[in-house]
């Protein structure tokens, strides 16, 4: 936590309650991350959520469906670009919102209320069960309800927008499927994109009974520049317990593998040629957002813990991610020990 002004007993109790509540939400979201999300070729369900504004969707029409927040969201940007175009548009809101924020969306977008979870901190259980998602997602759905294009748990909808334009101009056959790769739960992290000479040492670190894999990229992610500064005590404890701790960081001029002063094994993974943000390694691991941490058991993916920073009266609390991660791995290691 970032120190702030001295708190009264009442303020301290409130802060503790909020930190615990948001940490519990991150732990719950880890459980959500273990689901297999709806993807291309799947049949899109009729969403049963209340309509906040607009007409109830007709699911026998071709539709653009986004799931996410309201103001400042990539979904708002996409729907603004598509305003007036001949395709049904639906946005499902899954987080807390103010009623006036709905007015930012074009009037031809049907807005559905998908809020829920722990006081709205997470995707609702019903939405998760229907779509298998943990965060912002988008879909192009044909008139037979087949998903033609999907971006799962990923907030950049530029590729979805391009897919919709191709659909409108030339029909469903013109839609090129998303190149997003989804890594199934229970599978190891593929190392084909890592240079051969680094694979043995990296594989050994990833194959411990419990391994934590931090995913980061300081070249474009501002949060990534200091997020691990708040993990030192946790990292020391995890290493004492025999957990593997690995940092994979996108960017850099070349691949390298080094042991940091805190004992973390760091893999530097350059971006793809011509891309300022995308690392082939992280893409092949199904990364959808950073910073985040993958949790492995015996080298196999068990799920991921997302980043969350809490601000209370101007004081930043940046250790919630690591608190949640510690609870997740304690539960996991207890199951490993009981085998």
Protein backbone atom coordinates (compact mmCIF):
# COMPACT_ATOMS: atom_id res chain seq x y z
CA UNK A 1 0.00 0.00 0.00
CA UNK A 2 1.08 3.58 -0.59
CA UNK A 3 1.29 5.47 2.72
CA UNK A 4 -1.01 8.42 3.06
CA UNK A 5 -2.14 10.71 5.85
CA UNK A 6 -2.64 9.15 9.26
CA UNK A 7 -6.07 7.50 9.33
CA UNK A 8 -8.61 7.59 12.10
CA UNK A 9 -9.75 4.18 13.43
CA UNK A 10 -12.97 4.51 11.43
CA UNK A 11 -11.08 5.39 8.24
CA UNK A 12 -8.63 2.54 8.77
CA UNK A 13 -11.49 0.06 9.16
CA UNK A 14 -13.10 1.36 5.97
CA UNK A 15 -9.84 1.04 4.03
CA UNK A 16 -9.31 -2.49 5.34
CA UNK A 17 -12.85 -3.48 4.34
CA UNK A 18 -12.41 -2.05 0.83
CA UNK A 19 -9.02 -3.69 0.33
CA UNK A 20 -10.38 -7.04 1.51
CA UNK A 21 -13.49 -6.71 -0.66
CA UNK A 22 -11.55 -5.93 -3.82
CA UNK A 23 -8.97 -8.63 -3.07
CA UNK A 24 -11.77 -11.17 -2.73
CA UNK A 25 -13.14 -10.00 -6.09
CA UNK A 26 -9.76 -10.67 -7.73
CA UNK A 27 -9.71 -14.17 -6.23
CA UNK A 28 -13.21 -14.76 -7.60
CA UNK A 29 -12.09 -13.49 -11.00
CA UNK A 30 -9.26 -16.05 -10.95
CA UNK A 31 -11.89 -18.78 -10.73
CA UNK A 32 -13.71 -17.19 -13.68
CA UNK A 33 -10.49 -17.22 -15.73
CA UNK A 34 -10.50 -21.03 -15.71
CA UNK A 35 -13.53 -21.21 -18.02
CA UNK A 36 -13.36 -21.84 -21.77
CA UNK A 37 -14.66 -18.64 -23.43
CA UNK A 38 -17.11 -18.51 -26.29
CA UNK A 39 -15.14 -18.15 -29.51
CA UNK A 40 -15.33 -18.20 -33.29
CA UNK A 41 -17.57 -20.91 -34.70
CA UNK A 42 -19.57 -21.21 -31.47
CA UNK A 43 -23.26 -20.42 -31.24
CA UNK A 44 -23.96 -17.12 -29.53
CA UNK A 45 -26.62 -17.35 -26.79
CA UNK A 46 -29.64 -15.12 -26.45
CA UNK A 47 -28.61 -12.78 -23.66
CA UNK A 48 -31.39 -12.52 -21.04
CA UNK A 49 -30.29 -9.24 -19.45
CA UNK A 50 -32.63 -6.30 -18.84
CA UNK A 51 -32.67 -3.60 -21.51
CA UNK A 52 -31.50 -0.26 -20.15
CA UNK A 53 -32.08 1.65 -23.37
CA UNK A 54 -33.22 0.83 -26.88
CA UNK A 55 -35.10 -2.17 -28.26
CA UNK A 56 -34.63 -5.74 -27.10
CA UNK A 57 -32.18 -7.45 -29.48
CA UNK A 58 -33.49 -9.66 -32.28
CA UNK A 59 -30.98 -12.52 -32.21
CA UNK A 60 -31.92 -13.66 -35.72
CA UNK A 61 -30.18 -10.55 -37.10
CA UNK A 62 -26.46 -10.05 -37.67
CA UNK A 63 -25.19 -8.27 -34.57
CA UNK A 64 -22.13 -6.61 -33.08
CA UNK A 65 -22.01 -7.42 -29.38
CA UNK A 66 -19.59 -5.74 -26.99
CA UNK A 67 -19.22 -6.39 -23.29
CA UNK A 68 -17.53 -3.81 -21.09
CA UNK A 69 -17.76 -0.44 -19.40
CA UNK A 70 -19.32 2.86 -20.43
CA UNK A 71 -17.45 6.17 -20.69
CA UNK A 72 -13.93 6.01 -22.08
CA UNK A 73 -14.34 2.41 -23.17
CA UNK A 74 -13.19 0.86 -26.44
CA UNK A 75 -16.76 -0.33 -26.91
CA UNK A 76 -17.99 3.27 -26.94
CA UNK A 77 -15.36 4.14 -29.56
CA UNK A 78 -16.40 1.20 -31.75
CA UNK A 79 -20.13 1.90 -31.53
CA UNK A 80 -19.55 5.56 -32.30
CA UNK A 81 -17.69 4.53 -35.48
CA UNK A 82 -20.51 2.16 -36.44
CA UNK A 83 -23.35 4.61 -35.72
CA UNK A 84 -26.01 4.51 -38.44
CA UNK A 85 -24.57 1.46 -40.20
CA UNK A 86 -26.87 -1.38 -41.16
CA UNK A 87 -26.10 -3.92 -38.45
CA UNK A 88 -27.67 -4.51 -35.05
CA UNK A 89 -25.56 -3.20 -32.18
CA UNK A 90 -25.66 -4.39 -28.57
CA UNK A 91 -23.51 -3.36 -25.62
CA UNK A 92 -23.64 -5.28 -22.33
CA UNK A 93 -22.49 -3.24 -19.33
CA UNK A 94 -20.79 -5.36 -16.66
CA UNK A 95 -19.41 -2.78 -14.23
CA UNK A 96 -20.84 0.01 -12.08
CA UNK A 97 -22.15 2.94 -14.10
CA UNK A 98 -24.04 6.20 -13.76
CA UNK A 99 -27.33 6.49 -15.70
CA UNK A 100 -26.14 9.62 -17.51
CA UNK A 101 -23.21 7.65 -18.96
CA UNK A 102 -25.63 5.75 -21.18
CA UNK A 103 -26.24 8.93 -23.19
CA UNK A 104 -22.69 8.74 -24.59
CA UNK A 105 -23.66 5.75 -26.76
CA UNK A 106 -25.33 6.28 -30.14
CA UNK A 107 -29.09 5.84 -29.99
CA UNK A 108 -29.03 2.77 -32.27
CA UNK A 109 -27.13 0.73 -29.67
CA UNK A 110 -29.20 -1.50 -27.39
CA UNK A 111 -27.76 -1.27 -23.88
CA UNK A 112 -28.16 -4.27 -21.58
CA UNK A 113 -27.55 -4.48 -17.83
CA UNK A 114 -25.05 -7.27 -17.19
CA UNK A 115 -23.75 -5.90 -13.89
CA UNK A 116 -23.18 -8.24 -10.99
CA UNK A 117 -20.42 -10.12 -9.24
CA UNK A 118 -19.12 -8.84 -5.93
CA UNK A 119 -20.88 -5.45 -5.80
CA UNK A 120 -20.32 -5.08 -9.53
CA UNK A 121 -16.55 -5.55 -9.27
CA UNK A 122 -16.56 -8.56 -11.58
CA UNK A 123 -18.39 -9.90 -14.58
CA UNK A 124 -21.69 -11.29 -13.27
CA UNK A 125 -21.90 -15.03 -12.72
CA UNK A 126 -24.67 -15.28 -15.33
CA UNK A 127 -22.67 -13.40 -17.94
CA UNK A 128 -19.60 -15.47 -17.17
CA UNK A 129 -21.56 -18.72 -17.45
CA UNK A 130 -23.00 -17.68 -20.81
CA UNK A 131 -19.81 -16.35 -22.44
CA UNK A 132 -16.95 -17.71 -20.29
CA UNK A 133 -15.29 -14.30 -20.09
CA UNK A 134 -13.58 -12.33 -17.33
CA UNK A 135 -13.41 -8.90 -18.93
CA UNK A 136 -14.04 -6.66 -21.93
CA UNK A 137 -14.94 -8.74 -25.01
CA UNK A 138 -16.51 -8.27 -28.43
CA UNK A 139 -18.22 -10.42 -31.07
CA UNK A 140 -19.50 -10.27 -34.62
CA UNK A 141 -22.46 -12.65 -34.78
CA UNK A 142 -24.12 -13.84 -37.99
CA UNK A 143 -27.87 -14.04 -38.54
CA UNK A 144 -27.71 -17.75 -37.68
CA UNK A 145 -26.08 -16.78 -34.31
CA UNK A 146 -22.69 -18.20 -35.31
CA UNK A 147 -19.77 -16.20 -33.93
CA UNK A 148 -17.86 -14.97 -37.00
CA UNK A 149 -15.23 -12.98 -35.12
CA UNK A 150 -14.33 -12.78 -31.43
CA UNK A 151 -12.03 -10.75 -29.22
CA UNK A 152 -12.08 -12.32 -25.78
CA UNK A 153 -11.05 -10.50 -22.58
CA UNK A 154 -9.29 -7.93 -24.71
CA UNK A 155 -10.25 -4.28 -24.76
CA UNK A 156 -8.83 -3.17 -28.12
CA UNK A 157 -11.67 -3.46 -30.65
CA UNK A 158 -9.88 -2.17 -33.75
CA UNK A 159 -9.67 -5.65 -35.28
CA UNK A 160 -13.35 -6.23 -34.49
CA UNK A 161 -14.21 -2.97 -36.22
CA UNK A 162 -12.30 -4.07 -39.33
CA UNK A 163 -14.13 -7.40 -39.30
CA UNK A 164 -17.50 -5.62 -39.13
CA UNK A 165 -16.57 -3.36 -42.07
CA UNK A 166 -15.58 -6.41 -44.15
CA UNK A 167 -18.88 -8.08 -43.24
CA UNK A 168 -20.91 -5.03 -44.23
CA UNK A 169 -19.10 -4.63 -47.55
CA UNK A 170 -18.82 -8.23 -48.73
CA UNK A 171 -20.73 -10.54 -46.37
CA UNK A 172 -19.69 -13.20 -43.85
CA UNK A 173 -17.29 -14.95 -46.26
CA UNK A 174 -15.11 -11.81 -46.24
CA UNK A 175 -14.55 -11.92 -42.47
CA UNK A 176 -11.05 -13.10 -41.58
CA UNK A 177 -11.14 -14.89 -38.22
CA UNK A 178 -9.35 -13.33 -35.27
CA UNK A 179 -5.73 -14.35 -34.82
CA UNK A 180 -6.13 -14.27 -31.04
CA UNK A 181 -4.76 -17.43 -29.44
CA UNK A 182 -6.46 -18.89 -26.38
CA UNK A 183 -4.38 -21.09 -24.10
CA UNK A 184 -6.55 -23.82 -22.54
CA UNK A 185 -6.49 -24.43 -18.80
CA UNK A 186 -4.38 -27.48 -17.99
CA UNK A 187 -1.96 -26.92 -20.87
CA UNK A 188 1.72 -25.89 -20.52
CA UNK A 189 2.93 -22.54 -21.81
CA UNK A 190 4.29 -23.19 -25.32
CA UNK A 191 7.97 -22.35 -25.75
CA UNK A 192 8.20 -22.58 -29.54
CA UNK A 193 8.65 -18.79 -29.81
CA UNK A 194 11.50 -18.79 -27.26
CA UNK A 195 15.06 -19.33 -28.62
CA UNK A 196 16.16 -22.95 -28.24
CA UNK A 197 19.16 -22.08 -26.08
CA UNK A 198 16.87 -20.49 -23.45
CA UNK A 199 14.15 -23.12 -23.37
CA UNK A 200 15.74 -25.60 -20.92
CA UNK A 201 16.31 -23.09 -18.10
CA UNK A 202 12.92 -21.47 -18.63
CA UNK A 203 11.15 -24.83 -18.77
CA UNK A 204 12.75 -25.87 -15.48
CA UNK A 205 11.47 -22.71 -13.78
CA UNK A 206 7.97 -23.17 -15.21
CA UNK A 207 7.71 -26.83 -14.18
CA UNK A 208 7.77 -26.47 -10.39
CA UNK A 209 4.75 -27.72 -8.40
CA UNK A 210 3.59 -24.07 -8.24
CA UNK A 211 4.94 -21.30 -10.49
CA UNK A 212 3.92 -17.65 -10.81
CA UNK A 213 4.50 -16.01 -14.20
CA UNK A 214 4.34 -12.21 -14.22
CA UNK A 215 3.38 -10.73 -17.63
CA UNK A 216 4.55 -7.18 -18.27
CA UNK A 217 5.73 -4.67 -20.88
CA UNK A 218 7.22 -1.41 -19.68
CA UNK A 219 7.65 0.02 -23.19
CA UNK A 220 3.98 1.00 -23.45
CA UNK A 221 2.21 -0.05 -20.23
CA UNK A 222 2.61 2.71 -17.63
CA UNK A 223 1.38 0.53 -14.77
CA UNK A 224 4.03 -2.06 -15.65
CA UNK A 225 6.83 0.38 -14.85
CA UNK A 226 6.50 -0.01 -11.09
CA UNK A 227 3.89 -2.68 -10.37
CA UNK A 228 6.41 -5.26 -9.12
CA UNK A 229 7.85 -2.73 -6.65
CA UNK A 230 4.87 -3.64 -4.48
CA UNK A 231 5.59 -7.39 -4.61
CA UNK A 232 9.00 -7.70 -2.91
CA UNK A 233 7.73 -9.14 0.39
CA UNK A 234 5.41 -11.52 -1.43
CA UNK A 235 8.16 -12.67 -3.82
CA UNK A 236 10.51 -13.42 -0.92
CA UNK A 237 7.79 -15.45 0.79
CA UNK A 238 6.90 -17.36 -2.39
CA UNK A 239 10.52 -18.26 -3.06
CA UNK A 240 10.95 -19.44 0.55
CA UNK A 241 7.98 -21.74 -0.04
CA UNK A 242 9.69 -23.17 -3.11
CA UNK A 243 7.45 -21.59 -5.73
CA UNK A 244 8.86 -20.72 -9.11
CA UNK A 245 8.67 -16.97 -9.87
CA UNK A 246 9.18 -15.86 -13.47
CA UNK A 247 8.82 -12.46 -15.15
CA UNK A 248 8.18 -12.33 -18.89
CA UNK A 249 8.56 -8.79 -20.18
CA UNK A 250 7.72 -7.72 -23.70
CA UNK A 251 10.02 -5.27 -25.44
CA UNK A 252 13.78 -5.04 -25.49
CA UNK A 253 16.15 -5.44 -28.39
CA UNK A 254 16.78 -9.18 -28.07
CA UNK A 255 15.79 -12.30 -26.17
CA UNK A 256 17.57 -12.76 -22.86
CA UNK A 257 17.16 -14.73 -19.65
CA UNK A 258 18.58 -13.41 -16.39
CA UNK A 259 18.20 -13.88 -12.65
CA UNK A 260 17.23 -10.62 -10.93
CA UNK A 261 18.46 -9.53 -7.50
CA UNK A 262 15.19 -10.63 -5.88
CA UNK A 263 15.57 -14.13 -7.34
CA UNK A 264 12.99 -13.73 -10.11
CA UNK A 265 13.92 -15.32 -13.44
CA UNK A 266 13.31 -12.70 -16.14
CA UNK A 267 12.72 -13.45 -19.82
CA UNK A 268 12.93 -10.45 -22.15
CA UNK A 269 10.81 -11.07 -25.25
CA UNK A 270 11.15 -8.55 -28.12
CA UNK A 271 8.15 -7.20 -29.95
CA UNK A 272 7.14 -8.48 -33.35
CA UNK A 273 8.83 -6.58 -36.21
CA UNK A 274 6.88 -3.41 -36.90
CA UNK A 275 4.71 -3.73 -33.77
CA UNK A 276 5.17 -1.28 -30.88
CA UNK A 277 3.23 -3.45 -28.43
CA UNK A 278 2.94 -7.11 -29.44
CA UNK A 279 5.35 -9.82 -28.34
CA UNK A 280 5.11 -13.14 -30.19
CA UNK A 281 5.79 -15.05 -26.94
CA UNK A 282 3.05 -13.31 -24.96
CA UNK A 283 0.61 -13.61 -27.85
CA UNK A 284 1.26 -17.35 -28.12
CA UNK A 285 0.45 -17.61 -24.42
CA UNK A 286 -2.99 -16.09 -24.93
CA UNK A 287 -2.20 -12.87 -23.09
CA UNK A 288 -5.21 -10.56 -23.08
CA UNK A 289 -4.14 -7.78 -20.72
CA UNK A 290 -1.18 -6.64 -18.66
CA UNK A 291 0.03 -6.49 -16.03
CA UNK A 292 -1.26 -9.90 -14.99
CA UNK A 293 0.05 -13.12 -13.49
CA UNK A 294 -0.41 -16.67 -14.71
CA UNK A 295 -0.55 -19.41 -12.08
CA UNK A 296 0.89 -22.80 -13.07
CA UNK A 297 0.73 -26.17 -11.34
CA UNK A 298 3.36 -28.69 -12.47
CA UNK A 299 3.89 -26.51 -15.54
CA UNK A 300 0.21 -26.41 -16.57
CA UNK A 301 -1.86 -23.22 -16.63
CA UNK A 302 -4.44 -22.96 -13.84
CA UNK A 303 -5.71 -19.43 -14.47
CA UNK A 304 -4.66 -15.82 -14.12
CA UNK A 305 -4.92 -13.01 -11.60
CA UNK A 306 -5.65 -9.61 -13.13
CA UNK A 307 -4.29 -6.25 -12.04
CA UNK A 308 -6.34 -3.91 -9.88
CA UNK A 309 -5.26 -0.65 -8.28
CA UNK A 310 -7.50 0.91 -5.65
CA UNK A 311 -7.66 4.64 -4.93
CA UNK A 312 -9.26 5.81 -1.69
CA UNK A 313 -9.30 9.55 -1.03
CA UNK A 314 -6.21 10.10 -3.14
CA UNK A 315 -4.19 7.24 -1.65
CA UNK A 316 -3.19 4.41 -4.00
CA UNK A 317 -3.29 0.82 -2.84
CA UNK A 318 -1.23 -1.22 -5.30
CA UNK A 319 -0.73 -4.56 -3.56
CA UNK A 320 -4.22 -6.03 -4.07
CA UNK A 321 -3.01 -8.10 -7.00
CA UNK A 322 -0.33 -9.74 -4.88
CA UNK A 323 -2.65 -10.24 -1.91
CA UNK A 324 -5.09 -12.07 -4.19
CA UNK A 325 -2.28 -14.02 -5.83
CA UNK A 326 -0.99 -15.12 -2.42
CA UNK A 327 -4.42 -16.45 -1.48
CA UNK A 328 -4.79 -18.26 -4.80
CA UNK A 329 -1.40 -19.99 -4.58
CA UNK A 330 -1.87 -20.94 -0.93
CA UNK A 331 -5.07 -22.75 -1.89
CA UNK A 332 -3.36 -24.33 -4.87
CA UNK A 333 -0.28 -25.45 -2.92
CA UNK A 334 -2.51 -26.95 -0.26
CA UNK A 335 -4.13 -29.11 -2.95
CA UNK A 336 -0.68 -30.03 -4.31
CA UNK A 337 0.52 -31.04 -0.80
CA UNK A 338 -2.55 -33.21 -0.23
CA UNK A 339 -1.96 -35.36 -3.34
